[in-house]
Each structure stands twice: as structure tokens, then as C-alpha cells.
C-alpha atoms as a PDB file:
ATOM      1  CA  MET A   1      44.488 -20.550 -25.376  1.00  0.00           C
ATOM      2  CA  LYS A   2      44.013 -19.398 -28.890  1.00  0.00           C
ATOM      3  CA  ILE A   3      46.758 -19.119 -31.485  1.00  0.00           C
ATOM      4  CA  VAL A   4      46.578 -17.499 -34.716  1.00  0.00           C
ATOM      5  CA  ALA A   5      49.476 -18.306 -37.445  1.00  0.00           C
ATOM      6  CA  LEU A   6      50.036 -15.156 -39.709  1.00  0.00           C
ATOM      7  CA  THR A   7      52.819 -14.294 -42.460  1.00  0.00           C
ATOM      8  CA  ILE A   8      53.440 -10.524 -42.495  1.00  0.00           C
ATOM      9  CA  ASN A   9      56.317  -8.960 -44.326  1.00  0.00           C
ATOM     10  CA  GLY A  10      57.840 -12.295 -44.663  1.00  0.00           C
ATOM     11  CA  ASN A  11      57.613 -12.743 -40.945  1.00  0.00           C
ATOM     12  CA  SER A  12      56.287 -16.103 -39.720  1.00  0.00           C
ATOM     13  CA  ILE A  13      54.028 -15.185 -36.583  1.00  0.00           C
ATOM     14  CA  LEU A  14      52.424 -16.675 -33.962  1.00  0.00           C
ATOM     15  CA  LEU A  15      49.900 -14.693 -32.142  1.00  0.00           C
ATOM     16  CA  ILE A  16      49.137 -16.464 -29.006  1.00  0.00           C
ATOM     17  CA  GLY A  17      46.186 -15.362 -26.534  1.00  0.00           C
ATOM     18  CA  GLY A  18      46.850 -16.962 -23.142  1.00  0.00           C
ATOM     19  CA  VAL A  19      44.811 -17.060 -19.995  1.00  0.00           C
ATOM     20  CA  ARG A  20      46.596 -15.051 -17.484  1.00  0.00           C
ATOM     21  CA  GLY A  21      47.174 -16.649 -14.214  1.00  0.00           C
ATOM     22  CA  LEU A  22      46.819 -20.681 -15.128  1.00  0.00           C
ATOM     23  CA  VAL A  23      49.822 -22.569 -14.509  1.00  0.00           C
ATOM     24  CA  SER A  24      48.938 -25.008 -17.426  1.00  0.00           C
ATOM     25  CA  GLU A  25      48.813 -21.956 -19.801  1.00  0.00           C
ATOM     26  CA  GLY A  26      52.602 -21.054 -18.888  1.00  0.00           C
ATOM     27  CA  GLU A  27      53.374 -24.793 -19.408  1.00  0.00           C
ATOM     28  CA  GLU A  28      51.916 -24.654 -22.849  1.00  0.00           C
ATOM     29  CA  ILE A  29      53.850 -21.208 -23.576  1.00  0.00           C
ATOM     30  CA  ASP A  30      56.938 -23.213 -22.555  1.00  0.00           C
ATOM     31  CA  SER A  31      56.107 -26.006 -25.125  1.00  0.00           C
ATOM     32  CA  ILE A  32      54.953 -23.644 -27.952  1.00  0.00           C
ATOM     33  CA  LEU A  33      58.353 -21.615 -27.806  1.00  0.00           C
ATOM     34  CA  LYS A  34      60.323 -24.439 -27.809  1.00  0.00           C
ATOM     35  CA  ASP A  35      58.643 -25.841 -31.029  1.00  0.00           C
ATOM     36  CA  PHE A  36      58.522 -22.605 -32.965  1.00  0.00           C
ATOM     37  CA  ASP A  37      61.930 -21.508 -31.661  1.00  0.00           C
ATOM     38  CA  PRO A  38      61.126 -17.656 -32.341  1.00  0.00           C
ATOM     39  CA  GLU A  39      64.118 -15.189 -32.946  1.00  0.00           C
ATOM     40  CA  ILE A  40      61.646 -12.244 -31.284  1.00  0.00           C
ATOM     41  CA  VAL A  41      59.293 -12.795 -28.338  1.00  0.00           C
ATOM     42  CA  ALA A  42      56.724  -9.790 -27.917  1.00  0.00           C
ATOM     43  CA  ILE A  43      54.615  -9.464 -24.873  1.00  0.00           C
ATOM     44  CA  SER A  44      51.574  -7.280 -23.923  1.00  0.00           C
ATOM     45  CA  MET A  45      53.354  -6.000 -21.177  1.00  0.00           C
ATOM     46  CA  SER A  46      54.864  -2.441 -20.000  1.00  0.00           C
ATOM     47  CA  PRO A  47      58.392  -2.231 -20.196  1.00  0.00           C
ATOM     48  CA  GLU A  48      58.584  -1.796 -16.210  1.00  0.00           C
ATOM     49  CA  GLU A  49      56.505  -4.893 -15.948  1.00  0.00           C
ATOM     50  CA  MET A  50      59.035  -6.687 -18.375  1.00  0.00           C
ATOM     51  CA  GLU A  51      61.895  -5.405 -16.243  1.00  0.00           C
ATOM     52  CA  GLY A  52      60.180  -6.288 -12.976  1.00  0.00           C
ATOM     53  CA  LEU A  53      59.583  -9.867 -14.415  1.00  0.00           C
ATOM     54  CA  LYS A  54      63.298 -10.254 -15.222  1.00  0.00           C
ATOM     55  CA  HIS A  55      64.227  -9.233 -11.589  1.00  0.00           C
ATOM     56  CA  PHE A  56      61.691 -11.714 -10.345  1.00  0.00           C
ATOM     57  CA  LEU A  57      63.470 -14.530 -12.117  1.00  0.00           C
ATOM     58  CA  ASP A  58      66.568 -13.455 -10.507  1.00  0.00           C
ATOM     59  CA  GLU A  59      65.445 -13.255  -7.096  1.00  0.00           C
ATOM     60  CA  PRO A  60      61.552 -14.006  -6.475  1.00  0.00           C
ATOM     61  CA  PHE A  61      59.664 -11.408  -4.345  1.00  0.00           C
ATOM     62  CA  ARG A  62      56.039 -10.932  -3.106  1.00  0.00           C
ATOM     63  CA  VAL A  63      53.750  -9.592  -5.746  1.00  0.00           C
ATOM     64  CA  GLY A  64      51.308  -6.996  -4.725  1.00  0.00           C
ATOM     65  CA  LEU A  65      47.502  -8.103  -5.884  1.00  0.00           C
ATOM     66  CA  SER A  66      44.486  -5.812  -6.060  1.00  0.00           C
ATOM     67  CA  ASP A  67      40.915  -6.809  -4.643  1.00  0.00           C
ATOM     68  CA  TYR A  68      40.169  -7.599  -7.965  1.00  0.00           C
ATOM     69  CA  ASP A  69      42.962  -9.282  -8.744  1.00  0.00           C
ATOM     70  CA  ILE A  70      42.305 -11.614  -5.905  1.00  0.00           C
ATOM     71  CA  ILE A  71      38.934 -12.203  -6.763  1.00  0.00           C
ATOM     72  CA  TYR A  72      39.809 -13.027 -10.400  1.00  0.00           C
ATOM     73  CA  GLY A  73      42.025 -15.611  -9.052  1.00  0.00           C
ATOM     74  CA  TYR A  74      39.732 -17.352  -6.985  1.00  0.00           C
ATOM     75  CA  LYS A  75      37.276 -17.355  -9.719  1.00  0.00           C
ATOM     76  CA  LEU A  76      39.804 -18.927 -12.203  1.00  0.00           C
ATOM     77  CA  ALA A  77      41.255 -21.506  -9.891  1.00  0.00           C
ATOM     78  CA  VAL A  78      38.185 -23.590 -10.664  1.00  0.00           C
ATOM     79  CA  TYR A  79      40.070 -24.386 -14.096  1.00  0.00           C
ATOM     80  CA  GLY A  80      43.348 -25.093 -12.407  1.00  0.00           C
ATOM     81  CA  GLU A  81      46.215 -24.114 -10.577  1.00  0.00           C
ATOM     82  CA  VAL A  82      46.776 -20.326 -10.491  1.00  0.00           C
ATOM     83  CA  MET A  83      49.858 -18.423  -9.721  1.00  0.00           C
ATOM     84  CA  VAL A  84      51.293 -14.742  -9.927  1.00  0.00           C
ATOM     85  CA  PRO A  85      53.199 -13.352 -11.869  1.00  0.00           C
ATOM     86  CA  PRO A  86      51.048 -14.698 -14.801  1.00  0.00           C
ATOM     87  CA  PRO A  87      52.802 -17.604 -16.080  1.00  0.00           C
ATOM     88  CA  ILE A  88      52.204 -16.983 -19.544  1.00  0.00           C
ATOM     89  CA  PHE A  89      54.197 -13.963 -19.373  1.00  0.00           C
ATOM     90  CA  LEU A  90      56.740 -14.927 -16.694  1.00  0.00           C
ATOM     91  CA  ASN A  91      57.752 -18.330 -18.695  1.00  0.00           C
ATOM     92  CA  ALA A  92      58.006 -16.287 -21.976  1.00  0.00           C
ATOM     93  CA  VAL A  93      60.513 -14.116 -20.318  1.00  0.00           C
ATOM     94  CA  ARG A  94      62.329 -16.834 -19.055  1.00  0.00           C
ATOM     95  CA  TYR A  95      62.567 -18.421 -22.324  1.00  0.00           C
ATOM     96  CA  ALA A  96      63.964 -15.469 -24.122  1.00  0.00           C
ATOM     97  CA  SER A  97      66.331 -14.495 -21.236  1.00  0.00           C
ATOM     98  CA  GLN A  98      67.490 -18.370 -21.350  1.00  0.00           C
ATOM     99  CA  ASN A  99      67.770 -18.651 -24.854  1.00  0.00           C
ATOM    100  CA  GLY A 100      69.048 -15.320 -26.148  1.00  0.00           C
ATOM    101  CA  LYS A 101      66.082 -14.086 -27.943  1.00  0.00           C
ATOM    102  CA  ARG A 102      65.104 -10.587 -28.429  1.00  0.00           C
ATOM    103  CA  LEU A 103      62.482  -9.386 -26.002  1.00  0.00           C
ATOM    104  CA  VAL A 104      59.984  -6.896 -26.884  1.00  0.00           C
ATOM    105  CA  SER A 105      57.061  -4.867 -24.767  1.00  0.00           C
ATOM    106  CA  LEU A 106      54.162  -4.007 -26.430  1.00  0.00           C
ATOM    107  CA  ASP A 107      52.177  -2.236 -23.707  1.00  0.00           C
ATOM    108  CA  LEU A 108      51.889   1.301 -22.860  1.00  0.00           C
ATOM    109  CA  PRO A 109      54.929   2.520 -20.719  1.00  0.00           C
ATOM    110  CA  GLU A 110      53.904   3.035 -17.055  1.00  0.00           C
ATOM    111  CA  SER A 111      53.670   7.137 -17.599  1.00  0.00           C
ATOM    112  CA  GLU A 112      51.463   6.809 -20.526  1.00  0.00           C
ATOM    113  CA  PHE A 113      49.230   4.504 -18.969  1.00  0.00           C
ATOM    114  CA  SER A 114      48.682   6.501 -15.964  1.00  0.00           C
ATOM    115  CA  THR A 115      47.723   9.575 -18.551  1.00  0.00           C
ATOM    116  CA  SER A 116      45.212   7.236 -20.037  1.00  0.00           C
ATOM    117  CA  TYR A 117      43.746   6.209 -16.569  1.00  0.00           C
ATOM    118  CA  THR A 118      43.520   9.700 -15.266  1.00  0.00           C
ATOM    119  CA  ARG A 119      41.880  10.677 -18.626  1.00  0.00           C
ATOM    120  CA  ASN A 120      39.349   7.787 -18.948  1.00  0.00           C
ATOM    121  CA  ILE A 121      38.402   7.043 -14.899  1.00  0.00           C
ATOM    122  CA  GLY A 122      36.688   9.708 -13.045  1.00  0.00           C
ATOM    123  CA  THR A 123      35.273   9.778  -9.566  1.00  0.00           C
ATOM    124  CA  ILE A 124      32.179   8.152 -10.693  1.00  0.00           C
ATOM    125  CA  SER A 125      33.895   5.188 -12.566  1.00  0.00           C
ATOM    126  CA  LEU A 126      36.183   4.235  -9.542  1.00  0.00           C
ATOM    127  CA  ILE A 127      32.996   4.497  -6.994  1.00  0.00           C
ATOM    128  CA  ARG A 128      31.043   2.118  -9.442  1.00  0.00           C
ATOM    129  CA  HIS A 129      34.158   0.110  -9.631  1.00  0.00           C
ATOM    130  CA  SER A 130      34.861  -0.434  -5.840  1.00  0.00           C
ATOM    131  CA  LEU A 131      31.071  -1.042  -5.400  1.00  0.00           C
ATOM    132  CA  ARG A 132      31.121  -4.074  -7.782  1.00  0.00           C
ATOM    133  CA  LYS A 133      33.789  -6.070  -6.238  1.00  0.00           C
ATOM    134  CA  THR A 134      31.121  -7.520  -3.670  1.00  0.00           C
ATOM    135  CA  ARG A 135      28.905  -8.620  -6.579  1.00  0.00           C
ATOM    136  CA  LEU A 136      31.681  -9.843  -8.607  1.00  0.00           C
ATOM    137  CA  ARG A 137      32.915 -11.935  -5.403  1.00  0.00           C
ATOM    138  CA  LYS A 138      29.376 -13.482  -5.597  1.00  0.00           C
ATOM    139  CA  LYS A 139      28.906 -13.734  -8.940  1.00  0.00           C
ATOM    140  CA  PHE A 140      28.748 -17.456 -10.381  1.00  0.00           C
ATOM    141  CA  PHE A 141      30.353 -17.785 -13.902  1.00  0.00           C
ATOM    142  CA  PRO A 142      29.084 -20.713 -15.943  1.00  0.00           C
ATOM    143  CA  ASP A 143      31.707 -20.878 -18.407  1.00  0.00           C
ATOM    144  CA  PRO A 144      32.824 -24.115 -19.457  1.00  0.00           C
ATOM    145  CA  ASP A 145      36.444 -23.269 -19.834  1.00  0.00           C
ATOM    146  CA  PRO A 146      39.168 -20.614 -18.792  1.00  0.00           C
ATOM    147  CA  ASP A 147      39.042 -18.888 -22.328  1.00  0.00           C
ATOM    148  CA  GLN A 148      35.434 -18.028 -21.920  1.00  0.00           C
ATOM    149  CA  PHE A 149      35.502 -17.279 -18.327  1.00  0.00           C
ATOM    150  CA  THR A 150      38.369 -14.774 -18.960  1.00  0.00           C
ATOM    151  CA  ILE A 151      35.933 -13.119 -21.747  1.00  0.00           C
ATOM    152  CA  SER A 152      33.260 -13.007 -19.284  1.00  0.00           C
ATOM    153  CA  TRP A 153      35.427 -11.507 -16.699  1.00  0.00           C
ATOM    154  CA  GLN A 154      36.663  -8.499 -18.669  1.00  0.00           C
ATOM    155  CA  ASN A 155      33.110  -7.960 -19.906  1.00  0.00           C
ATOM    156  CA  GLU A 156      32.050  -7.544 -16.716  1.00  0.00           C
ATOM    157  CA  ILE A 157      34.838  -4.895 -15.998  1.00  0.00           C
ATOM    158  CA  GLU A 158      33.929  -3.108 -19.117  1.00  0.00           C
ATOM    159  CA  LYS A 159      30.536  -2.621 -18.076  1.00  0.00           C
ATOM    160  CA  ILE A 160      32.143   0.595 -16.552  1.00  0.00           C
ATOM    161  CA  LYS A 161      32.661   3.143 -19.848  1.00  0.00           C
ATOM    162  CA  GLY A 162      35.898   4.562 -18.429  1.00  0.00           C
ATOM    163  CA  PHE A 163      37.517   1.013 -17.844  1.00  0.00           C
ATOM    164  CA  ARG A 164      36.237   0.093 -21.054  1.00  0.00           C
ATOM    165  CA  GLU A 165      37.869   3.103 -22.651  1.00  0.00           C
ATOM    166  CA  LEU A 166      41.039   2.405 -20.774  1.00  0.00           C
ATOM    167  CA  GLN A 167      41.257  -0.986 -21.954  1.00  0.00           C
ATOM    168  CA  GLN A 168      40.871   0.052 -25.511  1.00  0.00           C
ATOM    169  CA  SER A 169      43.862   2.523 -25.256  1.00  0.00           C
ATOM    170  CA  ARG A 170      45.942  -0.332 -24.349  1.00  0.00           C
ATOM    171  CA  ILE A 171      44.631  -2.741 -27.285  1.00  0.00           C
ATOM    172  CA  ASP A 172      45.268   0.145 -29.618  1.00  0.00           C
ATOM    173  CA  ALA A 173      48.690   0.923 -28.500  1.00  0.00           C
ATOM    174  CA  ILE A 174      49.615  -2.904 -28.440  1.00  0.00           C
ATOM    175  CA  ALA A 175      48.551  -3.166 -32.143  1.00  0.00           C
ATOM    176  CA  VAL A 176      50.381   0.010 -32.848  1.00  0.00           C
ATOM    177  CA  SER A 177      53.548  -1.595 -31.477  1.00  0.00           C
ATOM    178  CA  LEU A 178      52.944  -4.776 -33.417  1.00  0.00           C
ATOM    179  CA  ASN A 179      52.334  -3.080 -36.915  1.00  0.00           C
ATOM    180  CA  ASP A 180      55.551  -1.222 -36.147  1.00  0.00           C
ATOM    181  CA  LEU A 181      57.592  -4.433 -35.302  1.00  0.00           C
ATOM    182  CA  PHE A 182      56.224  -6.215 -38.109  1.00  0.00           C
ATOM    183  CA  GLY A 183      57.222  -3.399 -40.495  1.00  0.00           C
ATOM    184  CA  SER A 184      60.886  -3.112 -39.161  1.00  0.00           C
ATOM    185  CA  CYS A 185      61.662  -6.915 -39.347  1.00  0.00           C
ATOM    186  CA  LYS A 186      61.832  -9.274 -42.170  1.00  0.00           C
ATOM    187  CA  ASP A 187      61.774 -12.995 -42.347  1.00  0.00           C
ATOM    188  CA  GLN A 188      61.846 -13.534 -38.803  1.00  0.00           C
ATOM    189  CA  ARG A 189      59.891 -15.858 -36.518  1.00  0.00           C
ATOM    190  CA  ILE A 190      58.047 -13.832 -34.107  1.00  0.00           C
ATOM    191  CA  ALA A 191      55.924 -15.017 -31.042  1.00  0.00           C
ATOM    192  CA  VAL A 192      53.343 -12.498 -29.856  1.00  0.00           C
ATOM    193  CA  ILE A 193      51.822 -13.512 -26.520  1.00  0.00           C
ATOM    194  CA  VAL A 194      48.814 -11.488 -25.080  1.00  0.00           C
ATOM    195  CA  GLU A 195      46.046 -11.747 -22.720  1.00  0.00           C
ATOM    196  CA  ARG A 196      43.127 -14.420 -24.117  1.00  0.00           C
ATOM    197  CA  GLU A 197      40.579 -12.013 -23.797  1.00  0.00           C
ATOM    198  CA  ILE A 198      41.984  -9.307 -26.182  1.00  0.00           C
ATOM    199  CA  VAL A 199      43.536 -11.763 -28.688  1.00  0.00           C
ATOM    200  CA  GLY A 200      40.920 -11.167 -31.048  1.00  0.00           C
ATOM    201  CA  GLN A 201      40.837  -7.309 -31.200  1.00  0.00           C
ATOM    202  CA  ILE A 202      44.292  -7.434 -31.657  1.00  0.00           C
ATOM    203  CA  GLU A 203      44.279  -9.848 -34.564  1.00  0.00           C
ATOM    204  CA  ALA A 204      41.388  -7.424 -36.193  1.00  0.00           C
ATOM    205  CA  LEU A 205      43.833  -4.483 -35.686  1.00  0.00           C
ATOM    206  CA  ILE A 206      46.891  -6.034 -37.508  1.00  0.00           C
ATOM    207  CA  SER A 207      47.871  -4.789 -40.702  1.00  0.00           C
ATOM    208  CA  VAL A 208      47.637  -8.280 -42.524  1.00  0.00           C
ATOM    209  CA  PRO A 209      45.347  -9.245 -45.716  1.00  0.00           C
ATOM    210  CA  ALA A 210      42.673 -11.601 -44.635  1.00  0.00           C
ATOM    211  CA  SER A 211      43.866 -13.725 -47.386  1.00  0.00           C
ATOM    212  CA  GLN A 212      47.212 -14.173 -45.879  1.00  0.00           C
ATOM    213  CA  LYS A 213      45.779 -15.295 -42.163  1.00  0.00           C
ATOM    214  CA  THR A 214      45.767 -18.973 -41.513  1.00  0.00           C
ATOM    215  CA  ALA A 215      44.432 -20.684 -38.312  1.00  0.00           C
END
């Protein structure tokens, strides 16, 4: 997990990059949110995904997984217990719901993501993506910790240009959402939770002078 403390427009912000799937990361999110006591919790999920997590908390249901999700979870399990939905997001939604905090979706709505997917992912990209599953299933990831593993995993996915561009469209949208949020708020405590593999890119796109950033 990576945590960056920022001050923007008088807002005290914790930018948290958590590892998707690890139960221990969700437990750490619980502790961080309890200590920080944010007024706003912003998450790198689509509005539809966020609503899905709210329904899951009310009545758990079976979550569908892609082949890539299954391989990712298998590789991630080397570092600890794994579950879906991702605890970093599920626990954040639970915290906000139970404590009356404002919950904000940062990612592209499903319709916009579908448009971006269609624009960036052609037939050749899909074929290459499908063929890479066996290679990734057999690949050994020597990373010493889950943070490095998630970055290595994403680097493998992004070797296909279309998926790299699709991911960048998400990152750009999340950064725009955050800059809009920070600009519309004043003197608030805001917890921002994103995937560990994109937190560095998000931090670089946030509109804050380098002199104001504190680790």
C-alpha cells in the first residue's frame, strides 16, 4: 500500500493506493479511515460498480470473474488471503455507509468505459489478450511484495497497446474527477482510494504544487 498526504484548496487529502484482492489491505483501509475520519470517501470505481458493492453489503451474491481475474487472484495469493469483491473498495464503501460519509465514484461510467473499450480494443488486441492467458498462468513473478506484483502484473497487461490506452483513459478520467472534487470542496478531509498500480500516475495528474505535497 502507498499513502500520500496532500493539501489542496484547504482540503486534507489521503491518496491511498491499495492492492486489489488482498484481505489484509482491506483491514488496513479500515484502520486508516477510522483514524483519518474523512468527510468524503472517493473510490476509483464506476458509479455502477459502487452501487453493486452497496447491494453486496446488503445481500452478498456470487461475483463473476474473468479468466484474467482468476489468474491474478491465484498469483496474488502468494502474498496473503484473497477475496472478491476487492476488500480495499468493499471496506471503504462499508465505512462510508455505516458512518454517514459522502461516497464519490471517480471512474468512468459503464457507458463511457464501453465506448473507450470499443475505440481502443480491436480484434487483434483481443486475440493477443486471449493468447496471453496461458503465458501469464505459467509466468513466475519474483516480486518481493504485493505492491511490486500488482505493478508487474499491470505491465504485462499493458504490453498490448489497446489495453494500455484503455487504462490510460481510466486514469485520465479519475484524475479529472479528483481535480473537480478538490476544486468544489474547501477545508474537507478526503480519503481517495485507488488501485496500487495507478496511484503514482494519479498523483502526477492531480493539480497541486509540488511544494505542497508531503509523503
